[in-house]
């Protein structure tokens, strides 16, 4: 398989799981999938298929990180594809965690849907906004517990 095909495949393998997290929250299958590491396995396999042929350059770039080393790695089709697959797998891991946390905290799916979509597209921003929301909800619950006010259902 070509580097380009594998690059595309990384996203297509993760997209159905993202669709479940965003479009079918609370469904039994969605909850089970969100609790499993298995959705990341095919994307990690794509990562390995892309990373192994360029492993010396990849290792050099991560062993002693500098901009020039990463630019050289990114100039290789397999290098750019490997970094992309790694990002896709990591984003999916973050999305699954955010989904489970949101369910535990009772965050409405209409709030989480856009946050998860933002995480797919720009994960640092989506995760940061989720952490702010999560922190605010936890602070509110601690205040309620301290004052004896009952938690909302």
Protein backbone atom coordinates (compact mmCIF):
# COMPACT_ATOMS: atom_id res chain seq x y z
CA UNK A 1 0.00 0.00 0.00
CA UNK A 2 1.29 3.48 -0.79
CA UNK A 3 2.10 6.08 1.85
CA UNK A 4 -0.74 8.21 0.51
CA UNK A 5 -3.26 5.38 0.83
CA UNK A 6 -2.12 4.62 4.37
CA UNK A 7 -2.26 8.34 5.23
CA UNK A 8 -5.90 8.45 4.10
CA UNK A 9 -6.69 5.12 5.73
CA UNK A 10 -5.68 6.39 9.19
CA UNK A 11 -8.53 8.91 9.18
CA UNK A 12 -11.09 6.61 7.56
CA UNK A 13 -10.45 3.94 10.19
CA UNK A 14 -11.10 6.40 13.03
CA UNK A 15 -14.01 8.32 11.48
CA UNK A 16 -16.77 5.78 12.26
CA UNK A 17 -15.84 5.79 15.94
CA UNK A 18 -15.88 9.59 16.04
CA UNK A 19 -19.29 9.51 14.36
CA UNK A 20 -20.63 7.25 17.11
CA UNK A 21 -19.21 9.43 19.88
CA UNK A 22 -20.68 12.59 18.35
CA UNK A 23 -23.91 11.39 16.72
CA UNK A 24 -25.01 8.43 18.88
CA UNK A 25 -24.15 9.34 22.48
CA UNK A 26 -25.66 7.19 25.20
CA UNK A 27 -26.27 4.20 22.97
CA UNK A 28 -25.07 0.88 24.38
CA UNK A 29 -22.70 0.29 21.44
CA UNK A 30 -21.28 3.78 21.70
CA UNK A 31 -20.63 3.41 25.42
CA UNK A 32 -18.97 0.03 24.91
CA UNK A 33 -16.78 1.32 22.08
CA UNK A 34 -15.81 4.41 24.08
CA UNK A 35 -14.63 2.13 26.90
CA UNK A 36 -12.49 -0.06 24.63
CA UNK A 37 -8.95 0.50 23.37
CA UNK A 38 -9.73 -1.57 20.26
CA UNK A 39 -10.82 1.33 18.00
CA UNK A 40 -7.25 2.65 18.10
CA UNK A 41 -5.64 -0.65 17.09
CA UNK A 42 -6.21 -0.36 13.31
CA UNK A 43 -4.91 3.22 13.32
CA UNK A 44 -1.85 2.10 15.28
CA UNK A 45 -1.31 -0.64 12.69
CA UNK A 46 -1.32 2.05 9.99
CA UNK A 47 1.14 4.03 12.08
CA UNK A 48 3.46 1.03 12.25
CA UNK A 49 3.17 0.41 8.50
CA UNK A 50 4.23 4.01 7.88
CA UNK A 51 6.76 4.36 10.70
CA UNK A 52 8.79 1.19 10.32
CA UNK A 53 10.23 2.02 6.86
CA UNK A 54 11.38 5.42 8.10
CA UNK A 55 12.24 4.33 11.63
CA UNK A 56 15.85 5.60 11.58
CA UNK A 57 14.67 9.11 10.66
CA UNK A 58 11.74 8.89 13.09
CA UNK A 59 14.01 7.77 15.91
CA UNK A 60 16.49 10.55 15.15
CA UNK A 61 13.69 13.13 15.22
CA UNK A 62 12.26 11.99 18.58
CA UNK A 63 15.55 11.04 20.25
CA UNK A 64 16.94 14.54 19.94
CA UNK A 65 14.03 16.75 18.93
CA UNK A 66 14.72 19.83 16.91
CA UNK A 67 12.80 21.58 14.18
CA UNK A 68 15.19 20.61 11.38
CA UNK A 69 14.93 16.91 12.27
CA UNK A 70 11.15 17.01 12.20
CA UNK A 71 11.18 18.93 8.93
CA UNK A 72 13.34 16.20 7.41
CA UNK A 73 11.01 13.52 8.77
CA UNK A 74 7.93 15.34 7.46
CA UNK A 75 9.51 15.56 4.00
CA UNK A 76 9.30 11.77 3.81
CA UNK A 77 5.84 10.48 2.86
CA UNK A 78 6.03 7.76 5.46
CA UNK A 79 7.27 10.20 8.08
CA UNK A 80 4.43 12.66 7.57
CA UNK A 81 1.96 9.78 7.38
CA UNK A 82 3.30 8.22 10.57
CA UNK A 83 2.96 11.50 12.46
CA UNK A 84 -0.57 11.88 11.06
CA UNK A 85 -1.57 8.35 12.12
CA UNK A 86 -0.10 8.98 15.57
CA UNK A 87 -2.16 12.17 15.89
CA UNK A 88 -5.30 10.36 14.71
CA UNK A 89 -4.82 7.54 17.24
CA UNK A 90 -4.07 9.97 20.06
CA UNK A 91 -7.05 12.17 19.20
CA UNK A 92 -9.32 9.13 19.23
CA UNK A 93 -7.95 8.15 22.64
CA UNK A 94 -8.65 11.68 23.90
CA UNK A 95 -12.13 11.68 22.36
CA UNK A 96 -13.02 8.38 24.01
CA UNK A 97 -11.81 9.69 27.37
CA UNK A 98 -13.72 12.95 26.96
CA UNK A 99 -16.87 11.04 26.01
CA UNK A 100 -16.65 8.83 29.12
CA UNK A 101 -15.89 11.79 31.40
CA UNK A 102 -18.81 13.73 29.95
CA UNK A 103 -21.17 10.81 30.56
CA UNK A 104 -19.96 10.55 34.16
CA UNK A 105 -20.36 14.29 34.72
CA UNK A 106 -23.73 14.42 32.99
CA UNK A 107 -22.65 16.87 30.28
CA UNK A 108 -25.36 17.09 27.66
CA UNK A 109 -24.57 15.58 24.24
CA UNK A 110 -25.42 18.90 22.56
CA UNK A 111 -22.51 20.42 24.47
CA UNK A 112 -20.18 17.49 23.92
CA UNK A 113 -20.88 17.05 20.20
CA UNK A 114 -19.23 20.35 19.21
CA UNK A 115 -16.39 19.79 21.69
CA UNK A 116 -15.70 16.35 20.24
CA UNK A 117 -15.87 17.72 16.69
CA UNK A 118 -13.41 20.45 17.65
CA UNK A 119 -11.19 17.77 19.16
CA UNK A 120 -11.20 15.83 15.88
CA UNK A 121 -10.17 18.95 13.99
CA UNK A 122 -7.98 20.83 16.48
CA UNK A 123 -7.47 18.56 19.46
CA UNK A 124 -5.53 20.93 21.74
CA UNK A 125 -8.33 23.50 21.58
CA UNK A 126 -11.11 20.93 22.04
CA UNK A 127 -9.35 19.26 24.95
CA UNK A 128 -8.55 22.58 26.61
CA UNK A 129 -12.19 23.72 26.40
CA UNK A 130 -13.33 20.36 27.76
CA UNK A 131 -10.87 20.59 30.67
CA UNK A 132 -12.16 24.07 31.52
CA UNK A 133 -15.76 22.80 31.43
CA UNK A 134 -14.86 19.71 33.46
CA UNK A 135 -12.99 21.81 36.04
CA UNK A 136 -15.91 24.19 36.38
CA UNK A 137 -18.37 21.35 36.89
CA UNK A 138 -16.15 19.69 39.49
CA UNK A 139 -15.69 22.99 41.34
CA UNK A 140 -19.45 23.51 41.38
CA UNK A 141 -19.97 20.02 42.78
CA UNK A 142 -17.37 20.61 45.52
CA UNK A 143 -19.12 23.84 46.50
CA UNK A 144 -22.46 22.06 46.62
CA UNK A 145 -20.99 19.29 48.76
CA UNK A 146 -19.45 21.86 51.11
CA UNK A 147 -22.73 23.71 51.58
CA UNK A 148 -24.84 20.55 51.79
CA UNK A 149 -26.81 21.50 48.70
CA UNK A 150 -28.07 18.41 46.86
CA UNK A 151 -26.52 17.59 43.50
CA UNK A 152 -28.65 18.15 40.43
CA UNK A 153 -29.88 15.13 38.57
